[in-house]
C-alpha atoms as a PDB file:
ATOM      1  CA  UNK A   1     -11.571 -32.238 -44.644  1.00  0.00           C
ATOM      2  CA  UNK A   2     -12.661 -31.352 -41.126  1.00  0.00           C
ATOM      3  CA  UNK A   3     -15.535 -33.189 -39.446  1.00  0.00           C
ATOM      4  CA  UNK A   4     -18.708 -31.161 -38.958  1.00  0.00           C
ATOM      5  CA  UNK A   5     -18.222 -31.346 -35.191  1.00  0.00           C
ATOM      6  CA  UNK A   6     -16.669 -33.462 -32.456  1.00  0.00           C
ATOM      7  CA  UNK A   7     -17.309 -33.972 -28.743  1.00  0.00           C
ATOM      8  CA  UNK A   8     -14.622 -34.329 -26.068  1.00  0.00           C
ATOM      9  CA  UNK A   9     -14.554 -36.490 -22.935  1.00  0.00           C
ATOM     10  CA  UNK A  10     -16.452 -34.012 -20.746  1.00  0.00           C
ATOM     11  CA  UNK A  11     -19.275 -33.561 -23.253  1.00  0.00           C
ATOM     12  CA  UNK A  12     -18.166 -30.323 -24.912  1.00  0.00           C
ATOM     13  CA  UNK A  13     -19.052 -30.229 -28.609  1.00  0.00           C
ATOM     14  CA  UNK A  14     -16.876 -28.207 -30.996  1.00  0.00           C
ATOM     15  CA  UNK A  15     -17.482 -26.964 -34.536  1.00  0.00           C
ATOM     16  CA  UNK A  16     -14.923 -25.763 -37.082  1.00  0.00           C
ATOM     17  CA  UNK A  17     -15.031 -22.026 -37.692  1.00  0.00           C
ATOM     18  CA  UNK A  18     -13.725 -21.161 -41.173  1.00  0.00           C
ATOM     19  CA  UNK A  19     -11.183 -18.444 -41.895  1.00  0.00           C
ATOM     20  CA  UNK A  20     -12.722 -15.187 -43.074  1.00  0.00           C
ATOM     21  CA  UNK A  21     -12.871 -11.400 -42.987  1.00  0.00           C
ATOM     22  CA  UNK A  22     -15.190  -8.947 -41.238  1.00  0.00           C
ATOM     23  CA  UNK A  23     -14.833  -5.194 -40.892  1.00  0.00           C
ATOM     24  CA  UNK A  24     -11.092  -4.825 -41.541  1.00  0.00           C
ATOM     25  CA  UNK A  25     -10.110  -7.968 -39.639  1.00  0.00           C
ATOM     26  CA  UNK A  26      -9.058 -11.235 -41.255  1.00  0.00           C
ATOM     27  CA  UNK A  27      -8.896 -14.549 -39.466  1.00  0.00           C
ATOM     28  CA  UNK A  28      -6.435 -16.466 -41.649  1.00  0.00           C
ATOM     29  CA  UNK A  29      -6.802 -19.979 -40.185  1.00  0.00           C
ATOM     30  CA  UNK A  30      -9.862 -22.023 -39.301  1.00  0.00           C
ATOM     31  CA  UNK A  31     -10.261 -22.893 -35.618  1.00  0.00           C
ATOM     32  CA  UNK A  32     -12.555 -24.932 -33.387  1.00  0.00           C
ATOM     33  CA  UNK A  33     -15.013 -23.325 -30.970  1.00  0.00           C
ATOM     34  CA  UNK A  34     -17.437 -24.801 -28.469  1.00  0.00           C
ATOM     35  CA  UNK A  35     -21.007 -25.018 -29.727  1.00  0.00           C
ATOM     36  CA  UNK A  36     -22.263 -23.967 -26.275  1.00  0.00           C
ATOM     37  CA  UNK A  37     -20.927 -21.952 -23.403  1.00  0.00           C
ATOM     38  CA  UNK A  38     -19.191 -24.062 -20.754  1.00  0.00           C
ATOM     39  CA  UNK A  39     -21.862 -25.585 -18.541  1.00  0.00           C
ATOM     40  CA  UNK A  40     -21.875 -26.056 -14.786  1.00  0.00           C
ATOM     41  CA  UNK A  41     -21.600 -29.819 -15.299  1.00  0.00           C
ATOM     42  CA  UNK A  42     -18.569 -29.485 -17.571  1.00  0.00           C
ATOM     43  CA  UNK A  43     -16.935 -26.998 -15.204  1.00  0.00           C
ATOM     44  CA  UNK A  44     -17.416 -29.309 -12.225  1.00  0.00           C
ATOM     45  CA  UNK A  45     -15.988 -32.316 -14.135  1.00  0.00           C
ATOM     46  CA  UNK A  46     -12.848 -30.386 -15.061  1.00  0.00           C
ATOM     47  CA  UNK A  47     -12.290 -28.033 -12.114  1.00  0.00           C
ATOM     48  CA  UNK A  48     -14.121 -29.771  -9.263  1.00  0.00           C
ATOM     49  CA  UNK A  49     -15.562 -26.447  -8.053  1.00  0.00           C
ATOM     50  CA  UNK A  50     -18.936 -24.680  -8.092  1.00  0.00           C
ATOM     51  CA  UNK A  51     -18.215 -20.915  -8.051  1.00  0.00           C
ATOM     52  CA  UNK A  52     -21.889 -20.061  -8.712  1.00  0.00           C
ATOM     53  CA  UNK A  53     -23.179 -21.963  -5.642  1.00  0.00           C
ATOM     54  CA  UNK A  54     -24.866 -19.639  -3.159  1.00  0.00           C
ATOM     55  CA  UNK A  55     -24.494 -16.600  -5.416  1.00  0.00           C
ATOM     56  CA  UNK A  56     -27.299 -14.312  -6.520  1.00  0.00           C
ATOM     57  CA  UNK A  57     -28.996 -14.487  -9.900  1.00  0.00           C
ATOM     58  CA  UNK A  58     -28.207 -18.139 -10.484  1.00  0.00           C
ATOM     59  CA  UNK A  59     -29.959 -21.436 -10.994  1.00  0.00           C
ATOM     60  CA  UNK A  60     -28.179 -24.760 -10.871  1.00  0.00           C
ATOM     61  CA  UNK A  61     -28.095 -27.551 -13.390  1.00  0.00           C
ATOM     62  CA  UNK A  62     -25.606 -29.601 -15.362  1.00  0.00           C
ATOM     63  CA  UNK A  63     -26.623 -27.870 -18.616  1.00  0.00           C
ATOM     64  CA  UNK A  64     -26.811 -24.302 -17.239  1.00  0.00           C
ATOM     65  CA  UNK A  65     -24.050 -21.917 -18.346  1.00  0.00           C
ATOM     66  CA  UNK A  66     -21.312 -21.658 -15.707  1.00  0.00           C
ATOM     67  CA  UNK A  67     -21.107 -18.243 -14.049  1.00  0.00           C
ATOM     68  CA  UNK A  68     -18.966 -16.374 -11.517  1.00  0.00           C
ATOM     69  CA  UNK A  69     -15.888 -17.445 -13.467  1.00  0.00           C
ATOM     70  CA  UNK A  70     -12.956 -15.022 -13.670  1.00  0.00           C
ATOM     71  CA  UNK A  71     -10.698 -14.690 -16.698  1.00  0.00           C
ATOM     72  CA  UNK A  72      -7.919 -16.412 -14.715  1.00  0.00           C
ATOM     73  CA  UNK A  73     -10.310 -19.258 -13.869  1.00  0.00           C
ATOM     74  CA  UNK A  74     -11.257 -19.601 -17.560  1.00  0.00           C
ATOM     75  CA  UNK A  75      -7.582 -19.844 -18.542  1.00  0.00           C
ATOM     76  CA  UNK A  76      -7.003 -22.420 -15.772  1.00  0.00           C
ATOM     77  CA  UNK A  77     -10.009 -24.405 -17.082  1.00  0.00           C
ATOM     78  CA  UNK A  78      -8.425 -24.527 -20.557  1.00  0.00           C
ATOM     79  CA  UNK A  79      -5.079 -25.598 -19.108  1.00  0.00           C
ATOM     80  CA  UNK A  80      -6.579 -28.339 -16.944  1.00  0.00           C
ATOM     81  CA  UNK A  81      -8.830 -29.574 -19.759  1.00  0.00           C
ATOM     82  CA  UNK A  82      -5.775 -29.686 -22.060  1.00  0.00           C
ATOM     83  CA  UNK A  83      -3.956 -31.950 -19.601  1.00  0.00           C
ATOM     84  CA  UNK A  84      -7.001 -34.176 -19.033  1.00  0.00           C
ATOM     85  CA  UNK A  85      -7.894 -34.538 -22.697  1.00  0.00           C
ATOM     86  CA  UNK A  86      -4.439 -34.530 -24.306  1.00  0.00           C
ATOM     87  CA  UNK A  87      -5.410 -31.692 -26.708  1.00  0.00           C
ATOM     88  CA  UNK A  88      -4.653 -27.999 -26.588  1.00  0.00           C
ATOM     89  CA  UNK A  89      -7.608 -25.879 -25.479  1.00  0.00           C
ATOM     90  CA  UNK A  90      -7.445 -22.089 -25.292  1.00  0.00           C
ATOM     91  CA  UNK A  91      -9.675 -19.059 -25.137  1.00  0.00           C
ATOM     92  CA  UNK A  92     -10.393 -17.516 -28.542  1.00  0.00           C
ATOM     93  CA  UNK A  93      -9.012 -14.100 -29.356  1.00  0.00           C
ATOM     94  CA  UNK A  94     -11.577 -11.318 -29.326  1.00  0.00           C
ATOM     95  CA  UNK A  95     -11.340 -11.142 -33.119  1.00  0.00           C
ATOM     96  CA  UNK A  96     -11.915 -14.899 -33.463  1.00  0.00           C
ATOM     97  CA  UNK A  97     -14.905 -14.712 -31.123  1.00  0.00           C
ATOM     98  CA  UNK A  98     -16.395 -11.741 -32.983  1.00  0.00           C
ATOM     99  CA  UNK A  99     -15.974 -13.536 -36.322  1.00  0.00           C
ATOM    100  CA  UNK A 100     -17.565 -16.709 -34.911  1.00  0.00           C
ATOM    101  CA  UNK A 101     -20.431 -14.741 -33.347  1.00  0.00           C
ATOM    102  CA  UNK A 102     -21.202 -12.872 -36.570  1.00  0.00           C
ATOM    103  CA  UNK A 103     -20.846 -16.116 -38.560  1.00  0.00           C
ATOM    104  CA  UNK A 104     -19.787 -14.431 -41.775  1.00  0.00           C
ATOM    105  CA  UNK A 105     -22.611 -11.905 -41.786  1.00  0.00           C
ATOM    106  CA  UNK A 106     -22.344  -8.123 -42.082  1.00  0.00           C
ATOM    107  CA  UNK A 107     -25.580  -7.422 -40.181  1.00  0.00           C
ATOM    108  CA  UNK A 108     -26.095  -6.179 -36.634  1.00  0.00           C
ATOM    109  CA  UNK A 109     -26.738  -9.745 -35.469  1.00  0.00           C
ATOM    110  CA  UNK A 110     -25.854 -13.098 -36.998  1.00  0.00           C
ATOM    111  CA  UNK A 111     -29.536 -13.521 -37.895  1.00  0.00           C
ATOM    112  CA  UNK A 112     -29.955 -10.078 -39.503  1.00  0.00           C
ATOM    113  CA  UNK A 113     -30.732  -6.521 -38.455  1.00  0.00           C
ATOM    114  CA  UNK A 114     -34.203  -7.076 -36.955  1.00  0.00           C
ATOM    115  CA  UNK A 115     -33.834  -6.541 -33.204  1.00  0.00           C
ATOM    116  CA  UNK A 116     -37.374  -7.875 -32.750  1.00  0.00           C
ATOM    117  CA  UNK A 117     -36.010 -11.377 -33.476  1.00  0.00           C
ATOM    118  CA  UNK A 118     -33.384 -11.219 -30.717  1.00  0.00           C
ATOM    119  CA  UNK A 119     -35.538 -13.314 -28.374  1.00  0.00           C
ATOM    120  CA  UNK A 120     -35.395 -16.221 -30.835  1.00  0.00           C
ATOM    121  CA  UNK A 121     -31.594 -16.325 -30.542  1.00  0.00           C
ATOM    122  CA  UNK A 122     -30.668 -14.898 -27.144  1.00  0.00           C
ATOM    123  CA  UNK A 123     -31.428 -14.590 -23.471  1.00  0.00           C
ATOM    124  CA  UNK A 124     -31.280 -10.867 -22.687  1.00  0.00           C
ATOM    125  CA  UNK A 125     -32.996  -8.287 -20.464  1.00  0.00           C
ATOM    126  CA  UNK A 126     -36.199  -8.364 -22.511  1.00  0.00           C
ATOM    127  CA  UNK A 127     -36.869 -12.096 -22.160  1.00  0.00           C
ATOM    128  CA  UNK A 128     -34.920 -12.961 -19.021  1.00  0.00           C
ATOM    129  CA  UNK A 129     -34.524 -10.184 -16.467  1.00  0.00           C
ATOM    130  CA  UNK A 130     -37.791  -8.436 -17.330  1.00  0.00           C
ATOM    131  CA  UNK A 131     -39.555 -11.824 -17.178  1.00  0.00           C
ATOM    132  CA  UNK A 132     -38.225 -12.418 -13.637  1.00  0.00           C
ATOM    133  CA  UNK A 133     -35.510 -14.819 -14.834  1.00  0.00           C
ATOM    134  CA  UNK A 134     -32.343 -12.717 -14.232  1.00  0.00           C
ATOM    135  CA  UNK A 135     -29.904 -15.598 -14.382  1.00  0.00           C
ATOM    136  CA  UNK A 136     -27.921 -17.663 -16.859  1.00  0.00           C
ATOM    137  CA  UNK A 137     -30.124 -20.232 -18.555  1.00  0.00           C
ATOM    138  CA  UNK A 138     -29.637 -23.736 -19.913  1.00  0.00           C
ATOM    139  CA  UNK A 139     -27.432 -23.593 -22.990  1.00  0.00           C
ATOM    140  CA  UNK A 140     -28.796 -24.251 -26.465  1.00  0.00           C
ATOM    141  CA  UNK A 141     -32.425 -23.249 -25.834  1.00  0.00           C
ATOM    142  CA  UNK A 142     -32.467 -20.615 -28.577  1.00  0.00           C
ATOM    143  CA  UNK A 143     -31.683 -20.844 -32.304  1.00  0.00           C
ATOM    144  CA  UNK A 144     -27.994 -21.198 -33.308  1.00  0.00           C
ATOM    145  CA  UNK A 145     -26.142 -18.780 -35.555  1.00  0.00           C
ATOM    146  CA  UNK A 146     -25.198 -19.824 -39.140  1.00  0.00           C
ATOM    147  CA  UNK A 147     -21.979 -21.474 -37.854  1.00  0.00           C
ATOM    148  CA  UNK A 148     -24.055 -23.666 -35.496  1.00  0.00           C
ATOM    149  CA  UNK A 149     -23.077 -21.846 -32.284  1.00  0.00           C
ATOM    150  CA  UNK A 150     -25.654 -21.165 -29.567  1.00  0.00           C
ATOM    151  CA  UNK A 151     -26.083 -18.234 -27.167  1.00  0.00           C
ATOM    152  CA  UNK A 152     -23.571 -15.973 -28.916  1.00  0.00           C
ATOM    153  CA  UNK A 153     -25.866 -12.952 -28.500  1.00  0.00           C
ATOM    154  CA  UNK A 154     -26.776 -13.494 -24.865  1.00  0.00           C
ATOM    155  CA  UNK A 155     -27.035 -15.685 -21.779  1.00  0.00           C
ATOM    156  CA  UNK A 156     -23.552 -15.009 -20.295  1.00  0.00           C
ATOM    157  CA  UNK A 157     -20.494 -13.082 -21.399  1.00  0.00           C
ATOM    158  CA  UNK A 158     -17.727 -15.086 -23.003  1.00  0.00           C
ATOM    159  CA  UNK A 159     -14.068 -14.774 -22.057  1.00  0.00           C
ATOM    160  CA  UNK A 160     -11.442 -14.117 -24.731  1.00  0.00           C
ATOM    161  CA  UNK A 161      -7.666 -14.400 -24.514  1.00  0.00           C
ATOM    162  CA  UNK A 162      -7.294 -10.678 -25.207  1.00  0.00           C
ATOM    163  CA  UNK A 163      -9.574  -7.645 -25.163  1.00  0.00           C
ATOM    164  CA  UNK A 164     -11.216  -5.356 -27.666  1.00  0.00           C
ATOM    165  CA  UNK A 165      -9.870  -1.860 -28.168  1.00  0.00           C
ATOM    166  CA  UNK A 166     -10.643   0.399 -31.103  1.00  0.00           C
ATOM    167  CA  UNK A 167      -7.176   1.875 -31.478  1.00  0.00           C
ATOM    168  CA  UNK A 168      -6.438   1.000 -35.122  1.00  0.00           C
ATOM    169  CA  UNK A 169      -6.791   3.627 -37.845  1.00  0.00           C
ATOM    170  CA  UNK A 170     -10.052   2.962 -39.704  1.00  0.00           C
ATOM    171  CA  UNK A 171      -8.412   2.524 -43.119  1.00  0.00           C
ATOM    172  CA  UNK A 172      -6.062  -0.328 -42.164  1.00  0.00           C
ATOM    173  CA  UNK A 173      -6.553  -4.067 -42.162  1.00  0.00           C
ATOM    174  CA  UNK A 174      -5.318  -6.574 -39.673  1.00  0.00           C
ATOM    175  CA  UNK A 175      -4.722 -10.319 -39.845  1.00  0.00           C
ATOM    176  CA  UNK A 176      -5.266 -12.489 -36.775  1.00  0.00           C
ATOM    177  CA  UNK A 177      -5.234  -9.521 -34.383  1.00  0.00           C
ATOM    178  CA  UNK A 178      -4.194 -10.134 -30.790  1.00  0.00           C
ATOM    179  CA  UNK A 179      -5.793  -7.354 -28.777  1.00  0.00           C
ATOM    180  CA  UNK A 180      -5.573  -3.640 -29.444  1.00  0.00           C
END
């Protein structure tokens, strides 16, 4: 039996994501995913850099989502954190991330189809940019999805190990897909 969650040495909390199927994709093995996006404080503790410093559309704070991070930087973060912590960290596949974001639901959002509720779960143009706050916010300020993950519908984009491409025939299924 897996614990409900665990926290590593730099303060990142992880939750188990169960195996499951959505659309025609099946994730066959459970995996762990961070409850929040990587914060500036966590990034600094692992990488020793502040890529967001002096950039536009940013605020600073230990619990603000890290921004101005390239895919290569995100992979390097996982590699360095793996060495520091003695565990293997990696970016999720796009399929794993989509499954975790949807949290087993078949609706437009993990909280249902009502777009009017988006502001309860996400930072997006309507409650950030249009409110003169066009920057990444502190993580975990909105409601989590049913898997206990925060900010999956907004705040900053997440990096995945591969990329989405709709190149499969519609009538096929795929297990643990790795990119298009």
